[in-house]
Structures are given as structure tokens and as C-alpha cells.
Amino acid sequence: MEIRHNLHTDMRRAIDEIADIESRFFEIFGRGGTPFIEPYRCNDADFVAVCMGSLSYQFRDVVDALRAEGFAVGVAGLRLYRPFPAQAIVEAFSHKKGLIVFEKALSYGYQGPLFADIKSAMYTAQDPPFVHNYILGLGGREIKTGDLAEALRQSCAASAETAAAPEWIGLKL
């Protein structure tokens, strides 16, 4: 048990170390500076698509197109998953109307793990946004930009309730 405790404690300390290293990197090279979340057009966004990895770059085209349609949307790519940067999540998103989590992972019988972690972190916010979850791309399934745009449109227009179950994109049943 002590080993697990020490591992957990060291992982939590890593958040400060990661932020410090990112800050030093920015000072030296003039780029970076966002250790936990890479935002795109999020400053004035009411709704933010949250995802990880290359999906966040595919979403930039979606966000630009939906902005042209009048939707106040942005995308945030999560750069660190463990240790989970809960405080950074709350600071970045507590003033938004909705978070729409897109992920290529599933905790079988429940929901997406990133969705569950974000929902848990937002529990501490004063006025938390609603959170929706989309599962896609499992097993290497193609992720179509048009499908991402339609899912984001639906969530932006939906009621402001946090979803109990994930929606699926690209499911062929």
C-alpha cells in the first residue's frame, strides 16, 4: 500500500514539474507554454469540443466551419492525461455553457474515460457546464469531419443536461 501511495503522490507532484518545464521551454524557444490544454478559438467560445491527440487538429477545420455558421465553438486538445490536470480543466472550462468530449476510448459498460474524468473535475466548479460524450474511431474506424461537425451541432443545440450515456459516431449495427 505504501508503494501505491508514494506512486500516487509522485504523480500528483509531477503536475507542478510539468508546468515548470513547459514554462522554461517557452522562455528558451518561444513556443509552447500550455502544458495541459492546447486551446483553439476557445476564448469567446460558449461550447468547447474536448479531445486528445490528432483529433484536436482535425477539429480545427470543424470549428472554423461552425464559426462561419454562427456557432460559438472552440476545441481544446488535452496534452496530459495522467496525472489528470483537474484544476487546469476547471479553470479553463468552468465559464463555458457546454463541453463536448470526443474520444477514441471506452470504459466498457459505462462511458468514455476522458468524459468521466472531466465530468468529475467539473463537479467542483461553481456553475459547471453540461458535458456530452461521443465515442468514435475505435479499432481504427475512419473519423469523418462531417460527422464531427454534425455531432457538435447537435450538442450545441441540445438541452443543457450532462449526458448519462455516450453517443456513438460511425457505428455500423
N, C-alpha and C. Protein backbone atom coordinates (compact mmCIF):
# COMPACT_ATOMS: atom_id res chain seq x y z
N MET A 1 0.82 -1.19 0.00
CA MET A 1 0.00 0.00 0.00
C MET A 1 0.87 1.26 0.00
N GLU A 2 1.96 1.24 0.72
CA GLU A 2 2.82 2.41 0.79
C GLU A 2 3.42 2.74 -0.59
N ILE A 3 3.75 1.70 -1.33
CA ILE A 3 4.30 1.93 -2.68
C ILE A 3 3.26 2.63 -3.54
N ARG A 4 2.02 2.16 -3.49
CA ARG A 4 0.95 2.80 -4.27
C ARG A 4 0.75 4.25 -3.83
N HIS A 5 0.78 4.48 -2.54
CA HIS A 5 0.64 5.84 -2.02
C HIS A 5 1.76 6.73 -2.57
N ASN A 6 2.99 6.24 -2.50
CA ASN A 6 4.12 7.03 -2.97
C ASN A 6 4.05 7.29 -4.48
N LEU A 7 3.63 6.30 -5.24
CA LEU A 7 3.45 6.50 -6.68
C LEU A 7 2.40 7.57 -6.97
N HIS A 8 1.29 7.49 -6.26
CA HIS A 8 0.22 8.48 -6.43
C HIS A 8 0.71 9.88 -6.07
N THR A 9 1.41 9.99 -4.95
CA THR A 9 1.92 11.29 -4.51
C THR A 9 2.91 11.87 -5.52
N ASP A 10 3.80 11.03 -6.01
CA ASP A 10 4.77 11.49 -7.01
C ASP A 10 4.08 11.92 -8.30
N MET A 11 3.07 11.18 -8.72
CA MET A 11 2.32 11.56 -9.93
C MET A 11 1.65 12.93 -9.74
N ARG A 12 1.06 13.18 -8.59
CA ARG A 12 0.41 14.47 -8.35
C ARG A 12 1.45 15.59 -8.35
N ARG A 13 2.64 15.35 -7.82
CA ARG A 13 3.71 16.35 -7.84
C ARG A 13 4.18 16.65 -9.26
N ALA A 14 4.04 15.68 -10.11
CA ALA A 14 4.50 15.86 -11.50
C ALA A 14 3.77 16.99 -12.21
N ILE A 15 2.55 17.30 -11.81
CA ILE A 15 1.79 18.39 -12.45
C ILE A 15 2.57 19.70 -12.35
N ASP A 16 3.08 20.02 -11.16
CA ASP A 16 3.86 21.25 -10.99
C ASP A 16 5.16 21.20 -11.79
N GLU A 17 5.80 20.06 -11.81
CA GLU A 17 7.05 19.90 -12.56
C GLU A 17 6.82 20.09 -14.06
N ILE A 18 5.74 19.51 -14.55
CA ILE A 18 5.42 19.63 -15.98
C ILE A 18 5.16 21.08 -16.34
N ALA A 19 4.42 21.79 -15.50
CA ALA A 19 4.15 23.21 -15.75
C ALA A 19 5.45 24.02 -15.74
N ASP A 20 6.35 23.71 -14.81
CA ASP A 20 7.62 24.42 -14.73
C ASP A 20 8.49 24.15 -15.96
N ILE A 21 8.56 22.91 -16.39
CA ILE A 21 9.36 22.56 -17.57
C ILE A 21 8.80 23.23 -18.81
N GLU A 22 7.49 23.24 -18.95
CA GLU A 22 6.85 23.89 -20.10
C GLU A 22 7.14 25.38 -20.11
N SER A 23 7.13 26.00 -18.93
CA SER A 23 7.43 27.42 -18.81
C SER A 23 8.87 27.71 -19.22
N ARG A 24 9.79 26.88 -18.77
CA ARG A 24 11.21 27.06 -19.15
C ARG A 24 11.40 26.84 -20.64
N PHE A 25 10.72 25.85 -21.20
CA PHE A 25 10.80 25.59 -22.64
C PHE A 25 10.34 26.82 -23.42
N PHE A 26 9.23 27.42 -22.97
CA PHE A 26 8.71 28.62 -23.62
C PHE A 26 9.72 29.77 -23.56
N GLU A 27 10.35 29.95 -22.42
CA GLU A 27 11.35 31.01 -22.26
C GLU A 27 12.52 30.83 -23.22
N ILE A 28 12.94 29.59 -23.41
CA ILE A 28 14.10 29.30 -24.25
C ILE A 28 13.76 29.36 -25.73
N PHE A 29 12.64 28.72 -26.11
CA PHE A 29 12.33 28.54 -27.54
C PHE A 29 11.21 29.43 -28.07
N GLY A 30 10.46 30.08 -27.17
CA GLY A 30 9.41 30.98 -27.60
C GLY A 30 8.15 30.30 -28.12
N ARG A 31 8.00 29.04 -27.86
CA ARG A 31 6.77 28.34 -28.25
C ARG A 31 6.38 27.40 -27.13
N GLY A 32 5.15 26.91 -27.22
CA GLY A 32 4.64 26.09 -26.13
C GLY A 32 3.96 26.98 -25.11
N GLY A 33 4.13 26.65 -23.85
CA GLY A 33 3.56 27.48 -22.79
C GLY A 33 2.21 27.00 -22.29
N THR A 34 1.65 25.97 -22.92
CA THR A 34 0.37 25.43 -22.46
C THR A 34 0.57 23.94 -22.12
N PRO A 35 0.95 23.66 -20.88
CA PRO A 35 1.34 22.29 -20.55
C PRO A 35 0.19 21.28 -20.52
N PHE A 36 -1.01 21.71 -20.26
CA PHE A 36 -2.10 20.76 -20.04
C PHE A 36 -3.16 20.76 -21.13
N ILE A 37 -3.46 21.94 -21.65
CA ILE A 37 -4.55 22.07 -22.62
C ILE A 37 -4.07 22.93 -23.78
N GLU A 38 -4.31 22.48 -25.00
CA GLU A 38 -3.98 23.26 -26.18
C GLU A 38 -5.29 23.80 -26.78
N PRO A 39 -5.64 25.05 -26.47
CA PRO A 39 -6.91 25.59 -26.94
C PRO A 39 -6.83 26.15 -28.36
N TYR A 40 -7.95 26.09 -29.05
CA TYR A 40 -8.07 26.71 -30.37
C TYR A 40 -9.44 27.39 -30.42
N ARG A 41 -9.42 28.70 -30.52
CA ARG A 41 -10.62 29.53 -30.61
C ARG A 41 -11.55 29.31 -29.42
N CYS A 42 -10.97 29.18 -28.24
CA CYS A 42 -11.75 28.91 -27.03
C CYS A 42 -12.08 30.16 -26.22
N ASN A 43 -11.36 31.25 -26.43
CA ASN A 43 -11.54 32.42 -25.57
C ASN A 43 -12.98 32.91 -25.52
N ASP A 44 -13.63 33.01 -26.66
CA ASP A 44 -15.00 33.52 -26.70
C ASP A 44 -16.02 32.41 -26.99
N ALA A 45 -15.60 31.17 -26.87
CA ALA A 45 -16.49 30.04 -27.18
C ALA A 45 -17.44 29.75 -26.02
N ASP A 46 -18.69 29.47 -26.37
CA ASP A 46 -19.66 29.00 -25.38
C ASP A 46 -19.55 27.50 -25.19
N PHE A 47 -19.18 26.81 -26.27
CA PHE A 47 -19.08 25.36 -26.28
C PHE A 47 -17.68 24.97 -26.72
N VAL A 48 -17.13 23.95 -26.08
CA VAL A 48 -15.79 23.51 -26.42
C VAL A 48 -15.79 22.00 -26.65
N ALA A 49 -15.27 21.60 -27.80
CA ALA A 49 -15.02 20.18 -28.06
C ALA A 49 -13.70 19.85 -27.39
N VAL A 50 -13.70 18.81 -26.57
CA VAL A 50 -12.50 18.40 -25.85
C VAL A 50 -12.10 17.02 -26.36
N CYS A 51 -10.83 16.86 -26.71
CA CYS A 51 -10.35 15.58 -27.21
C CYS A 51 -8.85 15.50 -26.98
N MET A 52 -8.25 14.43 -27.47
CA MET A 52 -6.82 14.23 -27.29
C MET A 52 -6.18 13.88 -28.63
N GLY A 53 -4.88 14.17 -28.73
CA GLY A 53 -4.11 13.74 -29.88
C GLY A 53 -4.50 14.43 -31.18
N SER A 54 -4.34 13.67 -32.27
CA SER A 54 -4.55 14.23 -33.60
C SER A 54 -5.98 14.68 -33.84
N LEU A 55 -6.92 14.14 -33.09
CA LEU A 55 -8.32 14.53 -33.25
C LEU A 55 -8.52 16.03 -33.01
N SER A 56 -7.73 16.60 -32.13
CA SER A 56 -7.87 18.04 -31.85
C SER A 56 -7.48 18.88 -33.06
N TYR A 57 -6.59 18.38 -33.90
CA TYR A 57 -6.21 19.13 -35.10
C TYR A 57 -7.27 18.96 -36.20
N GLN A 58 -7.87 17.80 -36.28
CA GLN A 58 -8.97 17.60 -37.24
C GLN A 58 -10.14 18.51 -36.87
N PHE A 59 -10.34 18.72 -35.58
CA PHE A 59 -11.44 19.57 -35.13
C PHE A 59 -11.26 21.03 -35.46
N ARG A 60 -10.07 21.47 -35.73
CA ARG A 60 -9.86 22.89 -36.05
C ARG A 60 -10.64 23.28 -37.31
N ASP A 61 -10.65 22.41 -38.30
CA ASP A 61 -11.44 22.67 -39.51
C ASP A 61 -12.93 22.72 -39.18
N VAL A 62 -13.37 21.82 -38.31
CA VAL A 62 -14.78 21.79 -37.91
C VAL A 62 -15.14 23.07 -37.19
N VAL A 63 -14.31 23.50 -36.28
CA VAL A 63 -14.57 24.72 -35.52
C VAL A 63 -14.64 25.93 -36.45
N ASP A 64 -13.72 26.03 -37.38
CA ASP A 64 -13.74 27.15 -38.33
C ASP A 64 -15.03 27.15 -39.14
N ALA A 65 -15.48 25.99 -39.59
CA ALA A 65 -16.72 25.90 -40.37
C ALA A 65 -17.94 26.26 -39.52
N LEU A 66 -17.98 25.77 -38.29
CA LEU A 66 -19.13 26.06 -37.43
C LEU A 66 -19.14 27.52 -36.99
N ARG A 67 -17.98 28.11 -36.84
CA ARG A 67 -17.92 29.54 -36.54
C ARG A 67 -18.55 30.34 -37.68
N ALA A 68 -18.29 29.92 -38.91
CA ALA A 68 -18.87 30.59 -40.07
C ALA A 68 -20.39 30.45 -40.09
N GLU A 69 -20.91 29.38 -39.47
CA GLU A 69 -22.35 29.16 -39.36
C GLU A 69 -22.96 29.90 -38.17
N GLY A 70 -22.13 30.53 -37.34
CA GLY A 70 -22.63 31.29 -36.21
C GLY A 70 -22.54 30.59 -34.86
N PHE A 71 -21.94 29.42 -34.80
CA PHE A 71 -21.78 28.72 -33.54
C PHE A 71 -20.54 29.24 -32.81
N ALA A 72 -20.67 29.53 -31.53
CA ALA A 72 -19.54 29.99 -30.72
C ALA A 72 -18.85 28.76 -30.12
N VAL A 73 -18.03 28.11 -30.95
CA VAL A 73 -17.37 26.88 -30.54
C VAL A 73 -15.85 26.99 -30.63
N GLY A 74 -15.19 26.17 -29.85
CA GLY A 74 -13.74 26.05 -29.89
C GLY A 74 -13.38 24.60 -29.68
N VAL A 75 -12.10 24.32 -29.74
CA VAL A 75 -11.63 22.96 -29.46
C VAL A 75 -10.44 23.05 -28.52
N ALA A 76 -10.38 22.11 -27.61
CA ALA A 76 -9.26 22.03 -26.68
C ALA A 76 -8.69 20.62 -26.72
N GLY A 77 -7.42 20.55 -27.05
CA GLY A 77 -6.73 19.27 -27.04
C GLY A 77 -6.07 19.08 -25.68
N LEU A 78 -6.42 18.01 -25.02
CA LEU A 78 -5.80 17.71 -23.73
C LEU A 78 -4.41 17.15 -23.98
N ARG A 79 -3.38 17.79 -23.44
CA ARG A 79 -2.00 17.38 -23.68
C ARG A 79 -1.48 16.42 -22.62
N LEU A 80 -2.14 16.35 -21.49
CA LEU A 80 -1.71 15.50 -20.39
C LEU A 80 -2.93 14.78 -19.84
N TYR A 81 -2.83 13.46 -19.73
CA TYR A 81 -3.95 12.70 -19.18
C TYR A 81 -3.66 12.18 -17.77
N ARG A 82 -2.46 11.70 -17.55
CA ARG A 82 -2.09 11.25 -16.21
C ARG A 82 -0.75 11.86 -15.85
N PRO A 83 -0.62 12.53 -14.75
CA PRO A 83 -1.70 12.77 -13.81
C PRO A 83 -2.74 13.71 -14.42
N PHE A 84 -3.99 13.50 -14.07
CA PHE A 84 -5.06 14.28 -14.67
C PHE A 84 -5.02 15.71 -14.14
N PRO A 85 -4.98 16.70 -15.05
CA PRO A 85 -4.88 18.11 -14.63
C PRO A 85 -6.25 18.72 -14.30
N ALA A 86 -6.87 18.20 -13.26
CA ALA A 86 -8.24 18.60 -12.91
C ALA A 86 -8.38 20.10 -12.69
N GLN A 87 -7.44 20.70 -11.96
CA GLN A 87 -7.54 22.13 -11.68
C GLN A 87 -7.47 22.95 -12.96
N ALA A 88 -6.60 22.57 -13.88
CA ALA A 88 -6.49 23.28 -15.16
C ALA A 88 -7.78 23.14 -15.96
N ILE A 89 -8.41 21.98 -15.89
CA ILE A 89 -9.68 21.74 -16.58
C ILE A 89 -10.75 22.68 -16.03
N VAL A 90 -10.85 22.76 -14.71
CA VAL A 90 -11.86 23.63 -14.09
C VAL A 90 -11.60 25.08 -14.44
N GLU A 91 -10.35 25.51 -14.36
CA GLU A 91 -10.02 26.91 -14.67
C GLU A 91 -10.33 27.25 -16.13
N ALA A 92 -10.07 26.33 -17.03
CA ALA A 92 -10.26 26.60 -18.45
C ALA A 92 -11.72 26.56 -18.87
N PHE A 93 -12.54 25.74 -18.22
CA PHE A 93 -13.87 25.45 -18.76
C PHE A 93 -15.04 25.80 -17.84
N SER A 94 -14.81 26.27 -16.64
CA SER A 94 -15.93 26.48 -15.72
C SER A 94 -16.90 27.56 -16.18
N HIS A 95 -16.48 28.45 -17.04
CA HIS A 95 -17.34 29.54 -17.51
C HIS A 95 -18.01 29.22 -18.86
N LYS A 96 -17.85 28.02 -19.34
CA LYS A 96 -18.45 27.62 -20.63
C LYS A 96 -19.87 27.08 -20.41
N LYS A 97 -20.66 27.08 -21.48
CA LYS A 97 -22.01 26.51 -21.41
C LYS A 97 -21.98 24.99 -21.53
N GLY A 98 -21.08 24.50 -22.39
CA GLY A 98 -21.04 23.06 -22.60
C GLY A 98 -19.67 22.57 -23.04
N LEU A 99 -19.35 21.36 -22.61
CA LEU A 99 -18.15 20.66 -23.05
C LEU A 99 -18.61 19.41 -23.77
N ILE A 100 -18.06 19.18 -24.94
CA ILE A 100 -18.42 18.02 -25.73
C ILE A 100 -17.15 17.20 -25.90
N VAL A 101 -17.11 16.05 -25.25
CA VAL A 101 -15.91 15.22 -25.21
C VAL A 101 -15.98 14.16 -26.29
N PHE A 102 -14.98 14.16 -27.14
CA PHE A 102 -14.85 13.18 -28.22
C PHE A 102 -13.64 12.32 -27.90
N GLU A 103 -13.85 11.00 -27.88
CA GLU A 103 -12.71 10.15 -27.53
C GLU A 103 -12.74 8.80 -28.23
N LYS A 104 -11.52 8.30 -28.41
CA LYS A 104 -11.31 7.01 -29.05
C LYS A 104 -11.03 5.95 -27.99
N ALA A 105 -11.84 5.96 -26.95
CA ALA A 105 -11.67 5.01 -25.85
C ALA A 105 -13.03 4.80 -25.19
N LEU A 106 -13.16 3.68 -24.51
CA LEU A 106 -14.42 3.36 -23.83
C LEU A 106 -14.12 2.54 -22.60
N SER A 107 -14.74 2.90 -21.51
CA SER A 107 -14.72 2.06 -20.31
C SER A 107 -15.97 1.19 -20.42
N TYR A 108 -15.78 -0.05 -20.83
CA TYR A 108 -16.90 -0.92 -21.18
C TYR A 108 -17.97 -0.96 -20.09
N GLY A 109 -19.19 -0.82 -20.52
CA GLY A 109 -20.32 -0.83 -19.61
C GLY A 109 -20.59 0.49 -18.93
N TYR A 110 -19.80 1.52 -19.26
CA TYR A 110 -20.01 2.81 -18.60
C TYR A 110 -20.00 3.94 -19.61
N GLN A 111 -18.87 4.57 -19.83
CA GLN A 111 -18.74 5.72 -20.73
C GLN A 111 -17.27 5.90 -21.06
N GLY A 112 -16.96 6.96 -21.78
CA GLY A 112 -15.56 7.22 -22.10
C GLY A 112 -14.80 7.65 -20.86
N PRO A 113 -13.57 7.19 -20.70
CA PRO A 113 -12.80 7.55 -19.51
C PRO A 113 -12.45 9.04 -19.42
N LEU A 114 -12.17 9.68 -20.53
CA LEU A 114 -11.88 11.11 -20.51
C LEU A 114 -13.13 11.89 -20.08
N PHE A 115 -14.28 11.48 -20.60
CA PHE A 115 -15.55 12.09 -20.22
C PHE A 115 -15.77 11.97 -18.71
N ALA A 116 -15.56 10.77 -18.18
CA ALA A 116 -15.78 10.55 -16.74
C ALA A 116 -14.84 11.43 -15.91
N ASP A 117 -13.59 11.54 -16.33
CA ASP A 117 -12.64 12.36 -15.59
C ASP A 117 -12.97 13.85 -15.67
N ILE A 118 -13.38 14.31 -16.84
CA ILE A 118 -13.74 15.73 -16.99
C ILE A 118 -15.00 16.04 -16.18
N LYS A 119 -15.97 15.17 -16.27
CA LYS A 119 -17.21 15.35 -15.51
C LYS A 119 -16.91 15.40 -14.01
N SER A 120 -16.03 14.54 -13.55
CA SER A 120 -15.64 14.52 -12.14
C SER A 120 -14.93 15.80 -11.75
N ALA A 121 -14.01 16.27 -12.58
CA ALA A 121 -13.29 17.51 -12.28
C ALA A 121 -14.24 18.69 -12.23
N MET A 122 -15.20 18.75 -13.16
CA MET A 122 -16.12 19.89 -13.23
C MET A 122 -17.12 19.90 -12.08
N TYR A 123 -17.22 18.83 -11.37
CA TYR A 123 -18.12 18.75 -10.20
C TYR A 123 -17.79 19.83 -9.18
N THR A 124 -16.53 20.24 -9.11
CA THR A 124 -16.11 21.23 -8.13
C THR A 124 -16.34 22.67 -8.60
N ALA A 125 -16.73 22.85 -9.86
CA ALA A 125 -16.94 24.21 -10.39
C ALA A 125 -18.21 24.82 -9.81
N GLN A 126 -18.22 26.14 -9.68
CA GLN A 126 -19.39 26.85 -9.17
C GLN A 126 -20.64 26.59 -10.00
N ASP A 127 -20.51 26.84 -11.29
CA ASP A 127 -21.62 26.67 -12.23
C ASP A 127 -21.11 25.82 -13.39
N PRO A 128 -21.06 24.50 -13.21
CA PRO A 128 -20.42 23.65 -14.22
C PRO A 128 -21.20 23.61 -15.53
N PRO A 129 -20.49 23.50 -16.64
CA PRO A 129 -21.16 23.35 -17.94
C PRO A 129 -21.73 21.94 -18.07
N PHE A 130 -22.67 21.78 -19.01
CA PHE A 130 -23.09 20.42 -19.31
C PHE A 130 -21.95 19.73 -20.03
N VAL A 131 -21.94 18.41 -19.98
CA VAL A 131 -20.88 17.64 -20.63
C VAL A 131 -21.53 16.51 -21.42
N HIS A 132 -21.19 16.42 -22.70
CA HIS A 132 -21.65 15.33 -23.56
C HIS A 132 -20.46 14.47 -23.97
N ASN A 133 -20.74 13.23 -24.34
CA ASN A 133 -19.68 12.28 -24.67
C ASN A 133 -19.97 11.58 -25.99
N TYR A 134 -18.96 11.56 -26.86
CA TYR A 134 -19.04 10.84 -28.13
C TYR A 134 -17.87 9.86 -28.20
N ILE A 135 -18.18 8.64 -28.57
CA ILE A 135 -17.18 7.60 -28.77
C ILE A 135 -17.05 7.40 -30.28
N LEU A 136 -15.81 7.35 -30.77
CA LEU A 136 -15.58 7.23 -32.20
C LEU A 136 -14.19 6.65 -32.47
N GLY A 137 -14.00 6.19 -33.68
CA GLY A 137 -12.68 5.77 -34.12
C GLY A 137 -12.12 4.52 -33.47
N LEU A 138 -12.95 3.76 -32.77
CA LEU A 138 -12.43 2.54 -32.14
C LEU A 138 -12.01 1.53 -33.20
N GLY A 139 -10.95 0.82 -32.94
CA GLY A 139 -10.47 -0.19 -33.88
C GLY A 139 -9.97 0.39 -35.18
N GLY A 140 -9.61 1.67 -35.18
CA GLY A 140 -9.12 2.31 -36.39
C GLY A 140 -10.21 2.77 -37.33
N ARG A 141 -11.46 2.77 -36.88
CA ARG A 141 -12.58 3.22 -37.72
C ARG A 141 -12.35 4.64 -38.17
N GLU A 142 -12.67 4.93 -39.43
CA GLU A 142 -12.50 6.25 -40.01
C GLU A 142 -13.33 7.29 -39.25
N ILE A 143 -12.72 8.45 -39.07
CA ILE A 143 -13.40 9.57 -38.43
C ILE A 143 -13.61 10.64 -39.48
N LYS A 144 -14.86 10.86 -39.85
CA LYS A 144 -15.19 11.82 -40.89
C LYS A 144 -15.46 13.19 -40.29
N THR A 145 -14.87 14.19 -40.90
CA THR A 145 -15.01 15.56 -40.42
C THR A 145 -16.47 15.99 -40.40
N GLY A 146 -17.25 15.58 -41.39
CA GLY A 146 -18.67 15.92 -41.42
C GLY A 146 -19.43 15.34 -40.24
N ASP A 147 -19.05 14.14 -39.80
CA ASP A 147 -19.68 13.53 -38.63
C ASP A 147 -19.36 14.30 -37.36
N LEU A 148 -18.13 14.77 -37.27
CA LEU A 148 -17.73 15.58 -36.11
C LEU A 148 -18.54 16.87 -36.05
N ALA A 149 -18.69 17.51 -37.20
CA ALA A 149 -19.43 18.77 -37.26
C ALA A 149 -20.89 18.55 -36.87
N GLU A 150 -21.50 17.48 -37.37
CA GLU A 150 -22.91 17.21 -37.04
C GLU A 150 -23.09 16.91 -35.56
N ALA A 151 -22.19 16.15 -34.98
CA ALA A 151 -22.28 15.85 -33.54
C ALA A 151 -22.13 17.12 -32.71
N LEU A 152 -21.21 17.97 -33.11
CA LEU A 152 -21.01 19.23 -32.38
C LEU A 152 -22.21 20.14 -32.52
N ARG A 153 -22.80 20.21 -33.70
CA ARG A 153 -24.02 20.99 -33.90
C ARG A 153 -25.13 20.49 -32.97
N GLN A 154 -25.31 19.18 -32.92
CA GLN A 154 -26.38 18.59 -32.10
C GLN A 154 -26.18 18.91 -30.62
N SER A 155 -24.96 18.79 -30.14
CA SER A 155 -24.70 19.07 -28.73
C SER A 155 -24.89 20.54 -28.40
N CYS A 156 -24.50 21.42 -29.31
CA CYS A 156 -24.67 22.86 -29.07
C CYS A 156 -26.14 23.24 -29.01
N ALA A 157 -26.97 22.53 -29.77
CA ALA A 157 -28.40 22.83 -29.82
C ALA A 157 -29.21 22.05 -28.79
N ALA A 158 -28.59 21.07 -28.14
CA ALA A 158 -29.31 20.19 -27.21
C ALA A 158 -29.56 20.89 -25.88
N SER A 159 -30.30 20.22 -25.05
CA SER A 159 -30.56 20.75 -23.72
C SER A 159 -29.26 20.79 -22.93
N ALA A 160 -29.27 21.57 -21.89
CA ALA A 160 -28.06 21.77 -21.10
C ALA A 160 -27.93 20.73 -19.99
N GLU A 161 -28.19 19.49 -20.31
CA GLU A 161 -28.04 18.43 -19.31
C GLU A 161 -26.81 17.59 -19.65
N THR A 162 -26.12 17.19 -18.61
CA THR A 162 -24.99 16.28 -18.82
C THR A 162 -25.53 14.93 -19.23
N ALA A 163 -24.96 14.38 -20.27
CA ALA A 163 -25.43 13.11 -20.81
C ALA A 163 -25.06 11.97 -19.87
N ALA A 164 -25.97 11.01 -19.73
CA ALA A 164 -25.72 9.85 -18.89
C ALA A 164 -24.94 8.77 -19.64
N ALA A 165 -25.15 8.69 -20.94
CA ALA A 165 -24.52 7.65 -21.74
C ALA A 165 -23.88 8.29 -22.96
N PRO A 166 -22.84 7.67 -23.49
CA PRO A 166 -22.19 8.23 -24.69
C PRO A 166 -23.01 8.03 -25.95
N GLU A 167 -22.80 8.93 -26.89
CA GLU A 167 -23.31 8.77 -28.25
C GLU A 167 -22.18 8.14 -29.05
N TRP A 168 -22.53 7.45 -30.12
CA TRP A 168 -21.52 6.78 -30.94
C TRP A 168 -21.51 7.39 -32.34
N ILE A 169 -20.33 7.62 -32.86
CA ILE A 169 -20.15 8.13 -34.20
C ILE A 169 -19.51 7.04 -35.05
N GLY A 170 -20.11 6.76 -36.20
CA GLY A 170 -19.55 5.78 -37.11
C GLY A 170 -19.89 4.34 -36.77
N LEU A 171 -20.87 4.14 -35.91
CA LEU A 171 -21.27 2.80 -35.51
C LEU A 171 -22.08 2.14 -36.63
N LYS A 172 -21.74 0.91 -36.95
CA LYS A 172 -22.42 0.19 -38.03
C LYS A 172 -23.09 -1.06 -37.46
N LEU A 173 -24.28 -0.90 -36.95
CA LEU A 173 -25.04 -2.04 -36.42
C LEU A 173 -26.16 -2.42 -37.33
